[in-house]
Amino acid sequence: MTTRIDALFAELAKEGRSAFVTFLMAGDPDPATSLDILKALPKAGADIIEIGMPFTDPMADGPSIQAAGLRALKSGMTLRKTLEMVRGFREEDNTTPLVLMGYYNPIYIYGVDKFLADAKTAGVDGLIIVDLPPEEDDELCIPALKAGLNFIRLATPTTDDKRLPAVLANTSGFVYYVSITGITGAAAADSKVVGDAVARIKRHTKLPVCVGFGIRTPQAARAIAEKADGAVVGTALVDALRDSLDTQGQATAKTVAAVADVVASLAQGVRGAKQAAE
């Protein structure tokens, strides 16, 4: 079964370019504005959208994305409302792949079978669950694959060749390579080191490899996109959103455009990459 993610990477391979993957937190700064931003992303140049599921204890997230999660929770965002947001997006866009990213606890509370059925019906294509290792594949990964969702795994600079086969065993859609050790938004990615890491992962899998953490500028996005099948940007977009809010942390008339403008400039960086490399 081909998912929207599989179809997208097949199309991009024909075009000879990398994917631009964007991340935003569901419900930040409020559910309505969050959906408006989501709808603006594909037009601005996003190929895949990762949607954060707000959670009270986000251990891998840096200050920016933690704050986004807290804003979303304060605005009343829940996992059920996150799926409603996906449904709202799908009313106008049936092609852009959507990936839910976050932690297992809210899914466990929701109920795995119910969550997978509801996610699939809403129009979710894949999951990135950062705190479920391969040893726990029976919890969510295997059921998700059976439900027709891609289960996307993270590989890091500390994932060695002995560990990689376990990480990749049930991974589908793409591999998300975390380019730096530590939390999101902390440092800049080094494209030479990333290139070597991507090559190493590709010796173990035919899946596309997308690289995230530490990409904030069009130049950085371009450098990463030249080495990988996709560049993932989150913190830079979350920061643009935060900077557009009023003193009370509420959305302003500038909020949607503030995020879309950053996406458009980063997308140009990614789209310029393969042509420049040839």
C-alpha atoms as a PDB file:
ATOM      1  CA  MET A   1       0.000   0.000   0.000  1.00  0.00           C
ATOM      2  CA  THR A   2       1.402   3.375  -1.055  1.00  0.00           C
ATOM      3  CA  THR A   3       0.943   6.222   1.397  1.00  0.00           C
ATOM      4  CA  ARG A   4       0.981   9.922   0.544  1.00  0.00           C
ATOM      5  CA  ILE A   5       4.546  10.000   1.910  1.00  0.00           C
ATOM      6  CA  ASP A   6       5.692   7.199  -0.425  1.00  0.00           C
ATOM      7  CA  ALA A   7       3.993   8.914  -3.380  1.00  0.00           C
ATOM      8  CA  LEU A   8       5.631  12.245  -2.586  1.00  0.00           C
ATOM      9  CA  PHE A   9       9.169  10.856  -2.400  1.00  0.00           C
ATOM     10  CA  ALA A  10       8.643   8.937  -5.652  1.00  0.00           C
ATOM     11  CA  GLU A  11       7.547  12.198  -7.313  1.00  0.00           C
ATOM     12  CA  LEU A  12      10.474  14.185  -5.863  1.00  0.00           C
ATOM     13  CA  ALA A  13      12.935  11.518  -7.028  1.00  0.00           C
ATOM     14  CA  LYS A  14      11.652  12.096 -10.572  1.00  0.00           C
ATOM     15  CA  GLU A  15      12.051  15.854 -10.128  1.00  0.00           C
ATOM     16  CA  GLY A  16      15.531  15.332  -8.680  1.00  0.00           C
ATOM     17  CA  ARG A  17      14.957  17.418  -5.571  1.00  0.00           C
ATOM     18  CA  SER A  18      14.742  17.042  -1.816  1.00  0.00           C
ATOM     19  CA  ALA A  19      11.645  17.394   0.346  1.00  0.00           C
ATOM     20  CA  PHE A  20      11.048  20.385   2.562  1.00  0.00           C
ATOM     21  CA  VAL A  21       9.509  19.142   5.819  1.00  0.00           C
ATOM     22  CA  THR A  22       7.991  21.676   8.222  1.00  0.00           C
ATOM     23  CA  PHE A  23       7.060  21.232  11.891  1.00  0.00           C
ATOM     24  CA  LEU A  24       4.487  23.193  13.882  1.00  0.00           C
ATOM     25  CA  MET A  25       2.706  22.499  17.155  1.00  0.00           C
ATOM     26  CA  ALA A  26      -1.016  21.729  16.873  1.00  0.00           C
ATOM     27  CA  GLY A  27      -3.088  24.447  18.534  1.00  0.00           C
ATOM     28  CA  ASP A  28      -0.311  27.056  18.773  1.00  0.00           C
ATOM     29  CA  PRO A  29      -1.242  29.819  19.540  1.00  0.00           C
ATOM     30  CA  ASP A  30      -4.915  28.737  19.300  1.00  0.00           C
ATOM     31  CA  PRO A  31      -6.757  26.028  17.318  1.00  0.00           C
ATOM     32  CA  ALA A  32      -8.240  28.335  14.628  1.00  0.00           C
ATOM     33  CA  THR A  33      -4.988  30.189  13.873  1.00  0.00           C
ATOM     34  CA  SER A  34      -3.090  26.905  13.951  1.00  0.00           C
ATOM     35  CA  LEU A  35      -5.353  25.482  11.223  1.00  0.00           C
ATOM     36  CA  ASP A  36      -4.982  28.662   9.139  1.00  0.00           C
ATOM     37  CA  ILE A  37      -1.187  28.363   9.352  1.00  0.00           C
ATOM     38  CA  LEU A  38      -1.355  24.680   8.455  1.00  0.00           C
ATOM     39  CA  LYS A  39      -3.405  25.471   5.351  1.00  0.00           C
ATOM     40  CA  ALA A  40      -0.897  28.160   4.302  1.00  0.00           C
ATOM     41  CA  LEU A  41       2.162  25.874   4.482  1.00  0.00           C
ATOM     42  CA  PRO A  42       1.818  23.886   1.218  1.00  0.00           C
ATOM     43  CA  LYS A  43       1.270  27.099  -0.796  1.00  0.00           C
ATOM     44  CA  ALA A  44       4.414  28.528   0.843  1.00  0.00           C
ATOM     45  CA  GLY A  45       6.473  25.497  -0.222  1.00  0.00           C
ATOM     46  CA  ALA A  46       6.129  22.783   2.454  1.00  0.00           C
ATOM     47  CA  ASP A  47       6.167  19.264   0.974  1.00  0.00           C
ATOM     48  CA  ILE A  48       5.436  17.372   4.212  1.00  0.00           C
ATOM     49  CA  ILE A  49       3.981  18.787   7.427  1.00  0.00           C
ATOM     50  CA  GLU A  50       4.827  17.408  10.847  1.00  0.00           C
ATOM     51  CA  ILE A  51       2.234  18.350  13.444  1.00  0.00           C
ATOM     52  CA  GLY A  52       3.303  18.298  17.070  1.00  0.00           C
ATOM     53  CA  MET A  53       0.913  16.697  19.546  1.00  0.00           C
ATOM     54  CA  PRO A  54       1.087  18.949  22.621  1.00  0.00           C
ATOM     55  CA  PHE A  55       2.293  17.137  25.741  1.00  0.00           C
ATOM     56  CA  THR A  56       3.081  18.304  29.263  1.00  0.00           C
ATOM     57  CA  ASP A  57       6.500  16.607  29.511  1.00  0.00           C
ATOM     58  CA  PRO A  58       8.330  16.997  26.160  1.00  0.00           C
ATOM     59  CA  MET A  59      11.818  15.691  26.944  1.00  0.00           C
ATOM     60  CA  ALA A  60      13.480  16.059  23.512  1.00  0.00           C
ATOM     61  CA  ASP A  61      12.172  19.545  22.767  1.00  0.00           C
ATOM     62  CA  GLY A  62      14.096  22.753  23.229  1.00  0.00           C
ATOM     63  CA  PRO A  63      12.660  25.874  24.900  1.00  0.00           C
ATOM     64  CA  SER A  64      10.918  27.183  21.743  1.00  0.00           C
ATOM     65  CA  ILE A  65       8.949  24.007  21.029  1.00  0.00           C
ATOM     66  CA  GLN A  66       8.245  23.424  24.740  1.00  0.00           C
ATOM     67  CA  ALA A  67       6.767  26.935  24.920  1.00  0.00           C
ATOM     68  CA  ALA A  68       4.686  26.225  21.789  1.00  0.00           C
ATOM     69  CA  GLY A  69       3.309  23.092  23.432  1.00  0.00           C
ATOM     70  CA  LEU A  70       2.403  25.046  26.562  1.00  0.00           C
ATOM     71  CA  ARG A  71       0.664  27.754  24.490  1.00  0.00           C
ATOM     72  CA  ALA A  72      -1.297  25.036  22.702  1.00  0.00           C
ATOM     73  CA  LEU A  73      -2.311  23.277  25.923  1.00  0.00           C
ATOM     74  CA  LYS A  74      -3.357  26.632  27.403  1.00  0.00           C
ATOM     75  CA  SER A  75      -5.562  27.224  24.345  1.00  0.00           C
ATOM     76  CA  GLY A  76      -7.332  23.936  25.088  1.00  0.00           C
ATOM     77  CA  MET A  77      -5.638  21.718  22.513  1.00  0.00           C
ATOM     78  CA  THR A  78      -6.056  17.969  22.941  1.00  0.00           C
ATOM     79  CA  LEU A  79      -5.222  14.921  20.848  1.00  0.00           C
ATOM     80  CA  ARG A  80      -8.860  14.715  19.748  1.00  0.00           C
ATOM     81  CA  LYS A  81      -8.772  18.363  18.619  1.00  0.00           C
ATOM     82  CA  THR A  82      -5.472  17.703  16.838  1.00  0.00           C
ATOM     83  CA  LEU A  83      -7.211  15.024  14.759  1.00  0.00           C
ATOM     84  CA  GLU A  84     -10.083  17.464  14.101  1.00  0.00           C
ATOM     85  CA  MET A  85      -7.489  19.927  12.816  1.00  0.00           C
ATOM     86  CA  VAL A  86      -6.166  17.274  10.412  1.00  0.00           C
ATOM     87  CA  ARG A  87      -9.723  16.712   9.174  1.00  0.00           C
ATOM     88  CA  GLY A  88     -10.112  20.461   8.647  1.00  0.00           C
ATOM     89  CA  PHE A  89      -6.901  20.553   6.620  1.00  0.00           C
ATOM     90  CA  ARG A  90      -7.972  17.560   4.510  1.00  0.00           C
ATOM     91  CA  GLU A  91     -11.179  19.348   3.438  1.00  0.00           C
ATOM     92  CA  GLU A  92      -9.005  21.494   1.159  1.00  0.00           C
ATOM     93  CA  ASP A  93      -5.835  19.443   0.651  1.00  0.00           C
ATOM     94  CA  ASN A  94      -5.843  15.721  -0.004  1.00  0.00           C
ATOM     95  CA  THR A  95      -2.240  15.363  -1.203  1.00  0.00           C
ATOM     96  CA  THR A  96       0.195  16.963   1.293  1.00  0.00           C
ATOM     97  CA  PRO A  97       1.482  14.268   3.677  1.00  0.00           C
ATOM     98  CA  LEU A  98       0.769  14.909   7.362  1.00  0.00           C
ATOM     99  CA  VAL A  99       2.830  13.303  10.129  1.00  0.00           C
ATOM    100  CA  LEU A 100       1.905  13.477  13.813  1.00  0.00           C
ATOM    101  CA  MET A 101       4.950  13.875  16.030  1.00  0.00           C
ATOM    102  CA  GLY A 102       5.158  13.570  19.777  1.00  0.00           C
ATOM    103  CA  TYR A 103       5.098  11.205  22.726  1.00  0.00           C
ATOM    104  CA  TYR A 104       3.328   7.926  23.429  1.00  0.00           C
ATOM    105  CA  ASN A 105       1.466   8.911  26.612  1.00  0.00           C
ATOM    106  CA  PRO A 106      -1.442  10.862  25.000  1.00  0.00           C
ATOM    107  CA  ILE A 107      -1.949   8.032  22.455  1.00  0.00           C
ATOM    108  CA  TYR A 108      -1.899   5.406  25.217  1.00  0.00           C
ATOM    109  CA  ILE A 109      -4.553   7.334  27.146  1.00  0.00           C
ATOM    110  CA  TYR A 110      -6.649   7.829  23.976  1.00  0.00           C
ATOM    111  CA  GLY A 111      -6.428   4.072  23.281  1.00  0.00           C
ATOM    112  CA  VAL A 112      -4.086   2.730  20.577  1.00  0.00           C
ATOM    113  CA  ASP A 113      -6.694   1.027  18.364  1.00  0.00           C
ATOM    114  CA  LYS A 114      -9.123   3.943  18.570  1.00  0.00           C
ATOM    115  CA  PHE A 115      -6.328   6.438  17.928  1.00  0.00           C
ATOM    116  CA  LEU A 116      -5.048   4.594  14.842  1.00  0.00           C
ATOM    117  CA  ALA A 117      -8.562   4.254  13.399  1.00  0.00           C
ATOM    118  CA  ASP A 118      -9.355   7.925  14.066  1.00  0.00           C
ATOM    119  CA  ALA A 119      -5.960   9.126  12.759  1.00  0.00           C
ATOM    120  CA  LYS A 120      -6.345   7.145   9.547  1.00  0.00           C
ATOM    121  CA  THR A 121      -9.913   8.403   8.986  1.00  0.00           C
ATOM    122  CA  ALA A 122      -8.840  12.001   9.698  1.00  0.00           C
ATOM    123  CA  GLY A 123      -6.133  11.829   7.038  1.00  0.00           C
ATOM    124  CA  VAL A 124      -2.906  11.281   8.988  1.00  0.00           C
ATOM    125  CA  ASP A 125      -0.160   9.561   6.964  1.00  0.00           C
ATOM    126  CA  GLY A 126       2.566   8.813   9.492  1.00  0.00           C
ATOM    127  CA  LEU A 127       3.705   8.922  13.095  1.00  0.00           C
ATOM    128  CA  ILE A 128       6.950   9.951  14.781  1.00  0.00           C
ATOM    129  CA  ILE A 129       6.835   8.897  18.430  1.00  0.00           C
ATOM    130  CA  VAL A 130      10.097   9.941  20.026  1.00  0.00           C
ATOM    131  CA  ASP A 131       9.920   7.921  23.236  1.00  0.00           C
ATOM    132  CA  LEU A 132       9.059   4.459  21.835  1.00  0.00           C
ATOM    133  CA  PRO A 133      12.224   2.447  21.079  1.00  0.00           C
ATOM    134  CA  PRO A 134      12.214  -0.512  18.622  1.00  0.00           C
ATOM    135  CA  GLU A 135      11.945  -2.894  21.594  1.00  0.00           C
ATOM    136  CA  GLU A 136       8.389  -1.547  22.093  1.00  0.00           C
ATOM    137  CA  ASP A 137       7.273  -2.054  18.465  1.00  0.00           C
ATOM    138  CA  ASP A 138       4.291  -4.176  19.469  1.00  0.00           C
ATOM    139  CA  GLU A 139       2.846  -1.219  21.430  1.00  0.00           C
ATOM    140  CA  LEU A 140       2.206   1.083  18.458  1.00  0.00           C
ATOM    141  CA  CYS A 141       4.578   0.612  15.537  1.00  0.00           C
ATOM    142  CA  ILE A 142       3.283  -2.769  14.279  1.00  0.00           C
ATOM    143  CA  PRO A 143      -0.399  -1.828  14.778  1.00  0.00           C
ATOM    144  CA  ALA A 144       0.239   1.495  12.975  1.00  0.00           C
ATOM    145  CA  LEU A 145       1.809  -0.261   9.991  1.00  0.00           C
ATOM    146  CA  LYS A 146      -1.148  -2.660   9.859  1.00  0.00           C
ATOM    147  CA  ALA A 147      -3.493   0.347   9.895  1.00  0.00           C
ATOM    148  CA  GLY A 148      -1.714   1.751   6.824  1.00  0.00           C
ATOM    149  CA  LEU A 149       0.255   4.503   8.553  1.00  0.00           C
ATOM    150  CA  ASN A 150       3.978   5.055   8.102  1.00  0.00           C
ATOM    151  CA  PHE A 151       5.989   4.696  11.322  1.00  0.00           C
ATOM    152  CA  ILE A 152       8.965   7.019  11.026  1.00  0.00           C
ATOM    153  CA  ARG A 153      11.925   6.431  13.285  1.00  0.00           C
ATOM    154  CA  LEU A 154      14.608   8.798  14.524  1.00  0.00           C
ATOM    155  CA  ALA A 155      18.303   8.001  14.060  1.00  0.00           C
ATOM    156  CA  THR A 156      20.901  10.129  15.837  1.00  0.00           C
ATOM    157  CA  PRO A 157      24.678  10.703  15.737  1.00  0.00           C
ATOM    158  CA  THR A 158      24.926   8.117  18.545  1.00  0.00           C
ATOM    159  CA  THR A 159      22.981   5.413  16.635  1.00  0.00           C
ATOM    160  CA  ASP A 160      25.894   3.144  15.637  1.00  0.00           C
ATOM    161  CA  ASP A 161      25.992   0.443  12.950  1.00  0.00           C
ATOM    162  CA  LYS A 162      25.070  -2.245  15.505  1.00  0.00           C
ATOM    163  CA  ARG A 163      21.958  -0.342  16.575  1.00  0.00           C
ATOM    164  CA  LEU A 164      20.806   0.889  13.149  1.00  0.00           C
ATOM    165  CA  PRO A 165      19.260  -2.399  11.900  1.00  0.00           C
ATOM    166  CA  ALA A 166      16.991  -2.505  14.983  1.00  0.00           C
ATOM    167  CA  VAL A 167      16.005   1.144  14.482  1.00  0.00           C
ATOM    168  CA  LEU A 168      15.262   0.555  10.794  1.00  0.00           C
ATOM    169  CA  ALA A 169      13.529  -2.835  11.121  1.00  0.00           C
ATOM    170  CA  ASN A 170       9.927  -1.602  11.023  1.00  0.00           C
ATOM    171  CA  THR A 171      10.541   1.975   9.896  1.00  0.00           C
ATOM    172  CA  SER A 172       8.619   3.180   6.854  1.00  0.00           C
ATOM    173  CA  GLY A 173       8.001   6.428   4.961  1.00  0.00           C
ATOM    174  CA  PHE A 174      11.394   7.950   5.702  1.00  0.00           C
ATOM    175  CA  VAL A 175      14.136   7.939   8.316  1.00  0.00           C
ATOM    176  CA  TYR A 176      14.423  11.130  10.370  1.00  0.00           C
ATOM    177  CA  TYR A 177      18.100  11.793  11.100  1.00  0.00           C
ATOM    178  CA  VAL A 178      18.630  14.087  14.078  1.00  0.00           C
ATOM    179  CA  SER A 179      21.729  16.001  13.036  1.00  0.00           C
ATOM    180  CA  ILE A 180      22.915  17.055  16.482  1.00  0.00           C
ATOM    181  CA  THR A 181      22.957  15.440  19.906  1.00  0.00           C
ATOM    182  CA  GLY A 182      20.746  17.302  22.347  1.00  0.00           C
ATOM    183  CA  ILE A 183      17.454  19.158  22.164  1.00  0.00           C
ATOM    184  CA  THR A 184      15.763  20.916  19.252  1.00  0.00           C
ATOM    185  CA  GLY A 185      16.883  24.417  18.317  1.00  0.00           C
ATOM    186  CA  ALA A 186      20.164  24.189  20.221  1.00  0.00           C
ATOM    187  CA  ALA A 187      22.878  24.320  17.550  1.00  0.00           C
ATOM    188  CA  ALA A 188      23.521  24.463  13.816  1.00  0.00           C
ATOM    189  CA  ALA A 189      23.884  21.332  11.704  1.00  0.00           C
ATOM    190  CA  ASP A 190      27.226  20.689   9.939  1.00  0.00           C
ATOM    191  CA  SER A 191      26.448  19.633   6.360  1.00  0.00           C
ATOM    192  CA  LYS A 192      29.723  17.696   5.900  1.00  0.00           C
ATOM    193  CA  VAL A 193      29.097  15.584   9.022  1.00  0.00           C
ATOM    194  CA  VAL A 194      25.455  15.181   7.986  1.00  0.00           C
ATOM    195  CA  GLY A 195      26.483  13.997   4.513  1.00  0.00           C
ATOM    196  CA  ASP A 196      28.645  11.247   6.008  1.00  0.00           C
ATOM    197  CA  ALA A 197      25.857  10.210   8.395  1.00  0.00           C
ATOM    198  CA  VAL A 198      23.236  10.059   5.636  1.00  0.00           C
ATOM    199  CA  ALA A 199      25.556   7.914   3.508  1.00  0.00           C
ATOM    200  CA  ARG A 200      26.052   5.561   6.465  1.00  0.00           C
ATOM    201  CA  ILE A 201      22.295   5.198   7.068  1.00  0.00           C
ATOM    202  CA  LYS A 202      21.699   4.602   3.352  1.00  0.00           C
ATOM    203  CA  ARG A 203      24.021   1.593   3.484  1.00  0.00           C
ATOM    204  CA  HIS A 204      21.353   0.017   5.738  1.00  0.00           C
ATOM    205  CA  THR A 205      18.101   1.137   4.069  1.00  0.00           C
ATOM    206  CA  LYS A 206      16.493   2.169   0.779  1.00  0.00           C
ATOM    207  CA  LEU A 207      14.199   4.618   2.595  1.00  0.00           C
ATOM    208  CA  PRO A 208      14.619   8.375   2.067  1.00  0.00           C
ATOM    209  CA  VAL A 209      16.613  10.082   4.822  1.00  0.00           C
ATOM    210  CA  CYS A 210      15.418  13.489   6.050  1.00  0.00           C
ATOM    211  CA  VAL A 211      17.557  15.609   8.337  1.00  0.00           C
ATOM    212  CA  GLY A 212      16.304  17.859  11.121  1.00  0.00           C
ATOM    213  CA  PHE A 213      17.482  19.894  14.134  1.00  0.00           C
ATOM    214  CA  GLY A 214      19.725  22.905  13.617  1.00  0.00           C
ATOM    215  CA  ILE A 215      18.377  24.238  10.267  1.00  0.00           C
ATOM    216  CA  ARG A 216      17.329  27.882  10.540  1.00  0.00           C
ATOM    217  CA  THR A 217      18.325  29.679   7.320  1.00  0.00           C
ATOM    218  CA  PRO A 218      17.790  29.134   3.550  1.00  0.00           C
ATOM    219  CA  GLN A 219      21.550  28.568   3.223  1.00  0.00           C
ATOM    220  CA  ALA A 220      21.534  25.873   5.906  1.00  0.00           C
ATOM    221  CA  ALA A 221      18.434  24.268   4.379  1.00  0.00           C
ATOM    222  CA  ARG A 222      20.126  24.211   0.984  1.00  0.00           C
ATOM    223  CA  ALA A 223      23.341  22.702   2.373  1.00  0.00           C
ATOM    224  CA  ILE A 224      21.410  19.911   4.112  1.00  0.00           C
ATOM    225  CA  ALA A 225      19.109  19.290   1.140  1.00  0.00           C
ATOM    226  CA  GLU A 226      22.182  18.730  -1.045  1.00  0.00           C
ATOM    227  CA  LYS A 227      23.194  15.823   1.230  1.00  0.00           C
ATOM    228  CA  ALA A 228      19.815  14.335   2.188  1.00  0.00           C
ATOM    229  CA  ASP A 229      16.404  13.458   0.754  1.00  0.00           C
ATOM    230  CA  GLY A 230      14.749  16.108   2.875  1.00  0.00           C
ATOM    231  CA  ALA A 231      15.379  18.986   5.280  1.00  0.00           C
ATOM    232  CA  VAL A 232      13.195  19.374   8.383  1.00  0.00           C
ATOM    233  CA  VAL A 233      12.655  22.792   9.981  1.00  0.00           C
ATOM    234  CA  GLY A 234      10.734  23.344  13.211  1.00  0.00           C
ATOM    235  CA  THR A 235      12.237  25.758  15.717  1.00  0.00           C
ATOM    236  CA  ALA A 236      12.721  28.571  13.165  1.00  0.00           C
ATOM    237  CA  LEU A 237       9.008  28.401  12.283  1.00  0.00           C
ATOM    238  CA  VAL A 238       7.878  28.192  15.896  1.00  0.00           C
ATOM    239  CA  ASP A 239      10.062  31.227  16.692  1.00  0.00           C
ATOM    240  CA  ALA A 240       8.553  33.201  13.785  1.00  0.00           C
ATOM    241  CA  LEU A 241       5.090  32.363  15.109  1.00  0.00           C
ATOM    242  CA  ARG A 242       6.012  33.384  18.665  1.00  0.00           C
ATOM    243  CA  ASP A 243       7.504  36.693  17.495  1.00  0.00           C
ATOM    244  CA  SER A 244       4.234  37.584  15.723  1.00  0.00           C
ATOM    245  CA  LEU A 245       2.092  37.268  18.876  1.00  0.00           C
ATOM    246  CA  ASP A 246       0.895  40.211  20.965  1.00  0.00           C
ATOM    247  CA  THR A 247       2.004  40.866  24.547  1.00  0.00           C
ATOM    248  CA  GLN A 248      -0.694  38.473  25.815  1.00  0.00           C
ATOM    249  CA  GLY A 249       0.595  35.673  23.579  1.00  0.00           C
ATOM    250  CA  GLN A 250      -2.430  35.920  21.271  1.00  0.00           C
ATOM    251  CA  ALA A 251      -2.364  35.697  17.469  1.00  0.00           C
ATOM    252  CA  THR A 252      -2.238  38.949  15.495  1.00  0.00           C
ATOM    253  CA  ALA A 253      -3.093  39.837  11.888  1.00  0.00           C
ATOM    254  CA  LYS A 254       0.565  39.086  11.068  1.00  0.00           C
ATOM    255  CA  THR A 255       0.799  35.566  12.549  1.00  0.00           C
ATOM    256  CA  VAL A 256      -0.113  33.364   9.549  1.00  0.00           C
ATOM    257  CA  ALA A 257       1.995  35.422   7.105  1.00  0.00           C
ATOM    258  CA  ALA A 258       4.945  35.515   9.528  1.00  0.00           C
ATOM    259  CA  VAL A 259       5.217  31.718   9.435  1.00  0.00           C
ATOM    260  CA  ALA A 260       4.383  31.389   5.719  1.00  0.00           C
ATOM    261  CA  ASP A 261       7.100  33.916   4.790  1.00  0.00           C
ATOM    262  CA  VAL A 262       9.804  31.967   6.638  1.00  0.00           C
ATOM    263  CA  VAL A 263       8.576  28.727   5.039  1.00  0.00           C
ATOM    264  CA  ALA A 264       8.737  30.334   1.577  1.00  0.00           C
ATOM    265  CA  SER A 265      12.333  31.531   2.029  1.00  0.00           C
ATOM    266  CA  LEU A 266      13.493  28.172   3.438  1.00  0.00           C
ATOM    267  CA  ALA A 267      11.667  26.311   0.651  1.00  0.00           C
ATOM    268  CA  GLN A 268      13.653  28.276  -1.919  1.00  0.00           C
ATOM    269  CA  GLY A 269      16.833  27.127  -0.196  1.00  0.00           C
ATOM    270  CA  VAL A 270      15.758  23.487  -0.348  1.00  0.00           C
ATOM    271  CA  ARG A 271      14.544  23.727  -3.940  1.00  0.00           C
ATOM    272  CA  GLY A 272      17.808  25.306  -5.071  1.00  0.00           C
ATOM    273  CA  ALA A 273      19.859  22.472  -3.617  1.00  0.00           C
ATOM    274  CA  LYS A 274      19.807  19.614  -6.109  1.00  0.00           C
ATOM    275  CA  GLN A 275      20.115  21.880  -9.123  1.00  0.00           C
ATOM    276  CA  ALA A 276      23.151  23.499  -7.524  1.00  0.00           C
ATOM    277  CA  ALA A 277      24.663  20.107  -6.756  1.00  0.00           C
ATOM    278  CA  GLU A 278      24.453  18.947 -10.379  1.00  0.00           C
END
